[in-house]
Amino acid sequence: MKTKKILKCLPMLALAAIMAAGCTEDDNGGNNPPAGICEFTPFVDAYSMYFQEDYAGNETYFVKGIALDIVHEYGRNIKLIEDLKGNFPKDIGTTFTAWGSGISFIESNRMDYLNRYDNQDTLIMLLKTPYDYAGQGMVPPGETFYEKASDYATIICANSVLKLSNGYVTGYILPYIEGEDYTTDTVNWEELQKTLKGD
């Protein structure tokens, strides 16, 4: 699978005074804050980019989990079923909190709405540690920021969650075809794993 640079941020003047960083990796491999509107990035392209060998700060995780209760509208408690890359931290236990797209500018460039899934749905997820907005003084006055450094987040500028059911995954999976509408795809999970591995 040919890898390519697939993240693109367009500056938004309304955020320029608050955010100086783009929609890229920070020095520690976490999600940087959004600097604008992201280019639509499907799952296979996000996987390809974040797991290429020469990618700097590669603290990206690829897991299978079960959706549990919703946390503060845009987060989700997840029961870990399988660490698909073998690099997920071993000390977190069997349940962790993941954050997706929210309503404020802070989460606006995440593309995955975790509250759309039903309790006990099986999810395939690309995750990173969340950016420390609170520690960097980037939370607007009067706004509560719930994400912790020990939590995980979907990837900014990428579609990074798929629903697995009866051996098939559904979501924005395949590369965009010029001139066509964005649509969700349903793909055999075993075949997709082979594709991701380059088989």
C-alpha atoms as a PDB file:
ATOM      1  CA  MET A   1       0.000   0.000   0.000  1.00  0.00           C
ATOM      2  CA  LYS A   2       1.500   3.314  -1.003  1.00  0.00           C
ATOM      3  CA  THR A   3       1.772   5.721   1.874  1.00  0.00           C
ATOM      4  CA  LYS A   4       1.441   9.441   1.486  1.00  0.00           C
ATOM      5  CA  LYS A   5       1.097  12.563   3.537  1.00  0.00           C
ATOM      6  CA  ILE A   6      -2.622  12.795   4.125  1.00  0.00           C
ATOM      7  CA  LEU A   7      -3.154  15.392   6.816  1.00  0.00           C
ATOM      8  CA  LYS A   8      -3.855  18.921   5.756  1.00  0.00           C
ATOM      9  CA  CYS A   9      -4.983  21.816   7.918  1.00  0.00           C
ATOM     10  CA  LEU A  10      -6.525  25.041   6.728  1.00  0.00           C
ATOM     11  CA  PRO A  11      -5.989  27.933   9.137  1.00  0.00           C
ATOM     12  CA  MET A  12      -9.008  29.454  10.838  1.00  0.00           C
ATOM     13  CA  LEU A  13      -8.602  33.071  11.879  1.00  0.00           C
ATOM     14  CA  ALA A  14     -10.942  32.559  14.810  1.00  0.00           C
ATOM     15  CA  LEU A  15      -8.504  30.087  16.360  1.00  0.00           C
ATOM     16  CA  ALA A  16      -5.249  31.702  15.315  1.00  0.00           C
ATOM     17  CA  ALA A  17      -4.890  33.702  18.497  1.00  0.00           C
ATOM     18  CA  ILE A  18      -5.417  30.606  20.632  1.00  0.00           C
ATOM     19  CA  MET A  19      -3.554  27.939  18.674  1.00  0.00           C
ATOM     20  CA  ALA A  20      -0.193  28.195  17.034  1.00  0.00           C
ATOM     21  CA  ALA A  21       0.233  24.510  16.191  1.00  0.00           C
ATOM     22  CA  GLY A  22      -1.163  22.708  13.158  1.00  0.00           C
ATOM     23  CA  CYS A  23      -3.038  19.441  12.943  1.00  0.00           C
ATOM     24  CA  THR A  24       0.104  17.344  13.246  1.00  0.00           C
ATOM     25  CA  GLU A  25       2.011  15.306  15.788  1.00  0.00           C
ATOM     26  CA  ASP A  26       3.489  17.002  18.834  1.00  0.00           C
ATOM     27  CA  ASP A  27       7.008  16.206  20.032  1.00  0.00           C
ATOM     28  CA  ASN A  28       5.703  13.441  22.276  1.00  0.00           C
ATOM     29  CA  GLY A  29       3.642  11.678  19.616  1.00  0.00           C
ATOM     30  CA  GLY A  30       0.268  12.956  20.831  1.00  0.00           C
ATOM     31  CA  ASN A  31      -2.460  14.793  18.953  1.00  0.00           C
ATOM     32  CA  ASN A  32      -1.683  18.461  18.459  1.00  0.00           C
ATOM     33  CA  PRO A  33      -4.633  20.856  18.750  1.00  0.00           C
ATOM     34  CA  PRO A  34      -6.531  21.604  15.555  1.00  0.00           C
ATOM     35  CA  ALA A  35      -5.596  24.687  13.561  1.00  0.00           C
ATOM     36  CA  GLY A  36      -8.566  24.507  11.234  1.00  0.00           C
ATOM     37  CA  ILE A  37     -10.606  22.234   9.048  1.00  0.00           C
ATOM     38  CA  CYS A  38      -9.034  18.901   8.192  1.00  0.00           C
ATOM     39  CA  GLU A  39      -8.930  17.049   4.929  1.00  0.00           C
ATOM     40  CA  PHE A  40     -11.157  13.962   5.009  1.00  0.00           C
ATOM     41  CA  THR A  41      -8.928  10.954   5.793  1.00  0.00           C
ATOM     42  CA  PRO A  42     -10.294   7.372   5.635  1.00  0.00           C
ATOM     43  CA  PHE A  43      -9.226   4.587   7.970  1.00  0.00           C
ATOM     44  CA  VAL A  44      -6.819   2.757   5.628  1.00  0.00           C
ATOM     45  CA  ASP A  45      -4.880   5.943   4.850  1.00  0.00           C
ATOM     46  CA  ALA A  46      -4.663   6.903   8.524  1.00  0.00           C
ATOM     47  CA  TYR A  47      -3.404   3.423   9.407  1.00  0.00           C
ATOM     48  CA  SER A  48      -0.881   3.507   6.581  1.00  0.00           C
ATOM     49  CA  MET A  49       0.549   6.836   7.674  1.00  0.00           C
ATOM     50  CA  TYR A  50       0.641   6.306  11.426  1.00  0.00           C
ATOM     51  CA  PHE A  51       2.212   2.855  11.251  1.00  0.00           C
ATOM     52  CA  GLN A  52       4.862   3.426   8.616  1.00  0.00           C
ATOM     53  CA  GLU A  53       8.279   2.601  10.032  1.00  0.00           C
ATOM     54  CA  ASP A  54       9.818   6.038   9.603  1.00  0.00           C
ATOM     55  CA  TYR A  55       6.945   7.945  11.218  1.00  0.00           C
ATOM     56  CA  ALA A  56       8.283  10.073  14.083  1.00  0.00           C
ATOM     57  CA  GLY A  57       6.771   9.827  17.547  1.00  0.00           C
ATOM     58  CA  ASN A  58       4.822   6.713  16.713  1.00  0.00           C
ATOM     59  CA  GLU A  59       2.669   6.320  19.816  1.00  0.00           C
ATOM     60  CA  THR A  60      -0.385   5.151  17.926  1.00  0.00           C
ATOM     61  CA  TYR A  61      -2.475   2.225  19.131  1.00  0.00           C
ATOM     62  CA  PHE A  62      -4.641  -0.210  17.174  1.00  0.00           C
ATOM     63  CA  VAL A  63      -7.171  -2.004  19.369  1.00  0.00           C
ATOM     64  CA  LYS A  64     -10.403  -3.946  19.395  1.00  0.00           C
ATOM     65  CA  GLY A  65     -12.784  -2.984  22.180  1.00  0.00           C
ATOM     66  CA  ILE A  66     -16.367  -3.089  23.411  1.00  0.00           C
ATOM     67  CA  ALA A  67     -18.295   0.181  23.750  1.00  0.00           C
ATOM     68  CA  LEU A  68     -19.528   0.717  27.291  1.00  0.00           C
ATOM     69  CA  ASP A  69     -21.096   3.819  28.839  1.00  0.00           C
ATOM     70  CA  ILE A  70     -20.870   7.301  27.329  1.00  0.00           C
ATOM     71  CA  VAL A  71     -18.715   9.812  29.239  1.00  0.00           C
ATOM     72  CA  HIS A  72     -19.605  13.531  29.127  1.00  0.00           C
ATOM     73  CA  GLU A  73     -21.365  13.207  25.740  1.00  0.00           C
ATOM     74  CA  TYR A  74     -18.300  12.750  23.532  1.00  0.00           C
ATOM     75  CA  GLY A  75     -16.217  10.196  25.428  1.00  0.00           C
ATOM     76  CA  ARG A  76     -16.704   6.475  25.815  1.00  0.00           C
ATOM     77  CA  ASN A  77     -15.533   3.867  28.272  1.00  0.00           C
ATOM     78  CA  ILE A  78     -14.066   0.982  26.284  1.00  0.00           C
ATOM     79  CA  LYS A  79     -13.408  -2.592  27.378  1.00  0.00           C
ATOM     80  CA  LEU A  80     -10.161  -3.737  25.786  1.00  0.00           C
ATOM     81  CA  ILE A  81     -10.578  -7.031  23.914  1.00  0.00           C
ATOM     82  CA  GLU A  82      -7.415  -7.196  21.820  1.00  0.00           C
ATOM     83  CA  ASP A  83      -4.278  -5.127  21.339  1.00  0.00           C
ATOM     84  CA  LEU A  84      -3.871  -5.522  17.577  1.00  0.00           C
ATOM     85  CA  LYS A  85      -0.369  -4.012  17.428  1.00  0.00           C
ATOM     86  CA  GLY A  86       0.982  -5.233  20.745  1.00  0.00           C
ATOM     87  CA  ASN A  87       2.024  -1.776  21.966  1.00  0.00           C
ATOM     88  CA  PHE A  88      -0.970  -0.708  24.074  1.00  0.00           C
ATOM     89  CA  PRO A  89       0.092   0.094  27.673  1.00  0.00           C
ATOM     90  CA  LYS A  90      -0.177  -2.991  29.880  1.00  0.00           C
ATOM     91  CA  ASP A  91      -0.861  -1.152  33.127  1.00  0.00           C
ATOM     92  CA  ILE A  92      -4.285   0.304  32.345  1.00  0.00           C
ATOM     93  CA  GLY A  93      -6.324  -2.801  33.137  1.00  0.00           C
ATOM     94  CA  THR A  94      -9.174  -3.938  30.929  1.00  0.00           C
ATOM     95  CA  THR A  95     -11.144  -0.668  30.650  1.00  0.00           C
ATOM     96  CA  PHE A  96     -10.090   2.787  29.469  1.00  0.00           C
ATOM     97  CA  THR A  97     -11.705   6.048  28.360  1.00  0.00           C
ATOM     98  CA  ALA A  98     -11.511   7.204  24.737  1.00  0.00           C
ATOM     99  CA  TRP A  99     -12.552  10.630  23.457  1.00  0.00           C
ATOM    100  CA  GLY A 100     -13.963  11.416  20.025  1.00  0.00           C
ATOM    101  CA  SER A 101     -15.431  14.449  18.301  1.00  0.00           C
ATOM    102  CA  GLY A 102     -17.067  16.938  20.644  1.00  0.00           C
ATOM    103  CA  ILE A 103     -18.889  20.237  20.314  1.00  0.00           C
ATOM    104  CA  SER A 104     -16.175  22.722  21.252  1.00  0.00           C
ATOM    105  CA  PHE A 105     -13.245  23.884  19.138  1.00  0.00           C
ATOM    106  CA  ILE A 106     -10.968  21.587  21.132  1.00  0.00           C
ATOM    107  CA  GLU A 107     -12.382  18.357  19.723  1.00  0.00           C
ATOM    108  CA  SER A 108     -13.825  19.751  16.492  1.00  0.00           C
ATOM    109  CA  ASN A 109     -11.200  18.210  14.220  1.00  0.00           C
ATOM    110  CA  ARG A 110     -11.738  14.699  15.488  1.00  0.00           C
ATOM    111  CA  MET A 111     -14.004  12.910  13.042  1.00  0.00           C
ATOM    112  CA  ASP A 112     -15.362  10.045  15.137  1.00  0.00           C
ATOM    113  CA  TYR A 113     -18.528  10.451  17.200  1.00  0.00           C
ATOM    114  CA  LEU A 114     -18.245   7.769  19.864  1.00  0.00           C
ATOM    115  CA  ASN A 115     -21.748   8.414  21.212  1.00  0.00           C
ATOM    116  CA  ARG A 116     -23.293   7.078  17.986  1.00  0.00           C
ATOM    117  CA  TYR A 117     -22.478   3.475  18.884  1.00  0.00           C
ATOM    118  CA  ASP A 118     -24.690   1.213  20.961  1.00  0.00           C
ATOM    119  CA  ASN A 119     -23.629  -0.246  24.272  1.00  0.00           C
ATOM    120  CA  GLN A 120     -21.695  -3.506  23.655  1.00  0.00           C
ATOM    121  CA  ASP A 121     -20.863  -2.686  20.023  1.00  0.00           C
ATOM    122  CA  THR A 122     -17.457  -4.038  19.015  1.00  0.00           C
ATOM    123  CA  LEU A 123     -15.149  -1.283  17.763  1.00  0.00           C
ATOM    124  CA  ILE A 124     -11.866  -1.303  15.865  1.00  0.00           C
ATOM    125  CA  MET A 125      -9.969   1.832  16.882  1.00  0.00           C
ATOM    126  CA  LEU A 126      -6.863   3.827  16.037  1.00  0.00           C
ATOM    127  CA  LEU A 127      -6.005   5.831  19.161  1.00  0.00           C
ATOM    128  CA  LYS A 128      -3.434   8.252  20.537  1.00  0.00           C
ATOM    129  CA  THR A 129      -2.960   9.955  23.879  1.00  0.00           C
ATOM    130  CA  PRO A 130      -4.915  13.229  24.018  1.00  0.00           C
ATOM    131  CA  TYR A 131      -3.202  16.590  23.782  1.00  0.00           C
ATOM    132  CA  ASP A 132      -2.844  18.366  27.132  1.00  0.00           C
ATOM    133  CA  TYR A 133      -5.101  21.337  26.380  1.00  0.00           C
ATOM    134  CA  ALA A 134      -5.687  22.131  30.055  1.00  0.00           C
ATOM    135  CA  GLY A 135      -1.983  21.984  30.924  1.00  0.00           C
ATOM    136  CA  GLN A 136      -1.191  24.300  28.016  1.00  0.00           C
ATOM    137  CA  GLY A 137      -3.796  26.840  29.151  1.00  0.00           C
ATOM    138  CA  MET A 138      -5.904  26.357  26.018  1.00  0.00           C
ATOM    139  CA  VAL A 139      -9.302  25.723  27.613  1.00  0.00           C
ATOM    140  CA  PRO A 140     -11.554  28.797  27.249  1.00  0.00           C
ATOM    141  CA  PRO A 141     -12.919  30.403  30.428  1.00  0.00           C
ATOM    142  CA  GLY A 142     -16.100  28.724  31.619  1.00  0.00           C
ATOM    143  CA  GLU A 143     -15.484  25.528  29.674  1.00  0.00           C
ATOM    144  CA  THR A 144     -14.830  22.242  31.458  1.00  0.00           C
ATOM    145  CA  PHE A 145     -12.258  19.947  29.893  1.00  0.00           C
ATOM    146  CA  TYR A 146     -12.694  16.323  30.890  1.00  0.00           C
ATOM    147  CA  GLU A 147      -9.851  14.552  29.072  1.00  0.00           C
ATOM    148  CA  LYS A 148      -6.948  13.254  31.167  1.00  0.00           C
ATOM    149  CA  ALA A 149      -3.394  12.420  30.173  1.00  0.00           C
ATOM    150  CA  SER A 150      -4.130   8.781  31.077  1.00  0.00           C
ATOM    151  CA  ASP A 151      -7.023   8.638  28.565  1.00  0.00           C
ATOM    152  CA  TYR A 152      -6.965   8.014  24.814  1.00  0.00           C
ATOM    153  CA  ALA A 153      -8.437   9.870  21.847  1.00  0.00           C
ATOM    154  CA  THR A 154      -9.349   9.226  18.254  1.00  0.00           C
ATOM    155  CA  ILE A 155      -6.907  10.720  15.767  1.00  0.00           C
ATOM    156  CA  ILE A 156      -7.353  14.324  14.690  1.00  0.00           C
ATOM    157  CA  CYS A 157      -8.000  14.663  10.944  1.00  0.00           C
ATOM    158  CA  ALA A 158      -8.682  10.937  10.504  1.00  0.00           C
ATOM    159  CA  ASN A 159     -11.589   8.518  10.575  1.00  0.00           C
ATOM    160  CA  SER A 160     -10.229   6.111  13.137  1.00  0.00           C
ATOM    161  CA  VAL A 161     -13.136   3.999  14.421  1.00  0.00           C
ATOM    162  CA  LEU A 162     -14.917   1.113  12.699  1.00  0.00           C
ATOM    163  CA  LYS A 163     -17.802  -1.023  13.917  1.00  0.00           C
ATOM    164  CA  LEU A 164     -17.223  -4.790  13.736  1.00  0.00           C
ATOM    165  CA  SER A 165     -20.255  -7.065  13.351  1.00  0.00           C
ATOM    166  CA  ASN A 166     -20.571 -10.613  12.005  1.00  0.00           C
ATOM    167  CA  GLY A 167     -17.086 -10.576  10.538  1.00  0.00           C
ATOM    168  CA  TYR A 168     -17.451  -7.232   8.729  1.00  0.00           C
ATOM    169  CA  VAL A 169     -16.329  -3.715   9.631  1.00  0.00           C
ATOM    170  CA  THR A 170     -18.298  -0.606   8.718  1.00  0.00           C
ATOM    171  CA  GLY A 171     -17.125   2.995   8.536  1.00  0.00           C
ATOM    172  CA  TYR A 172     -15.168   5.392   6.349  1.00  0.00           C
ATOM    173  CA  ILE A 173     -12.586   2.798   5.393  1.00  0.00           C
ATOM    174  CA  LEU A 174     -11.392   3.085   1.804  1.00  0.00           C
ATOM    175  CA  PRO A 175      -9.577   5.919   0.018  1.00  0.00           C
ATOM    176  CA  TYR A 176     -11.747   8.678  -1.419  1.00  0.00           C
ATOM    177  CA  ILE A 177     -12.428   8.483  -5.151  1.00  0.00           C
ATOM    178  CA  GLU A 178     -12.317  11.872  -6.857  1.00  0.00           C
ATOM    179  CA  GLY A 179     -15.757  13.022  -7.992  1.00  0.00           C
ATOM    180  CA  GLU A 180     -17.721  10.652  -5.769  1.00  0.00           C
ATOM    181  CA  ASP A 181     -19.579  11.327  -2.524  1.00  0.00           C
ATOM    182  CA  TYR A 182     -18.109  10.248   0.797  1.00  0.00           C
ATOM    183  CA  THR A 183     -19.833   7.039   1.825  1.00  0.00           C
ATOM    184  CA  THR A 184     -19.390   4.446   4.522  1.00  0.00           C
ATOM    185  CA  ASP A 185     -17.924   1.113   3.482  1.00  0.00           C
ATOM    186  CA  THR A 186     -18.528  -2.420   4.719  1.00  0.00           C
ATOM    187  CA  VAL A 187     -15.523  -4.694   4.354  1.00  0.00           C
ATOM    188  CA  ASN A 188     -14.632  -8.226   5.468  1.00  0.00           C
ATOM    189  CA  TRP A 189     -12.569  -7.803   8.648  1.00  0.00           C
ATOM    190  CA  GLU A 190     -10.078 -10.582   7.850  1.00  0.00           C
ATOM    191  CA  GLU A 191      -9.489  -9.192   4.373  1.00  0.00           C
ATOM    192  CA  LEU A 192      -9.021  -5.676   5.724  1.00  0.00           C
ATOM    193  CA  GLN A 193      -6.414  -6.923   8.201  1.00  0.00           C
ATOM    194  CA  LYS A 194      -4.510  -8.516   5.319  1.00  0.00           C
ATOM    195  CA  THR A 195      -4.666  -5.260   3.387  1.00  0.00           C
ATOM    196  CA  LEU A 196      -3.394  -3.259   6.364  1.00  0.00           C
ATOM    197  CA  LYS A 197      -0.484  -5.674   6.760  1.00  0.00           C
ATOM    198  CA  GLY A 198       0.334  -5.374   3.071  1.00  0.00           C
ATOM    199  CA  ASP A 199      -0.507  -9.015   2.278  1.00  0.00           C
END
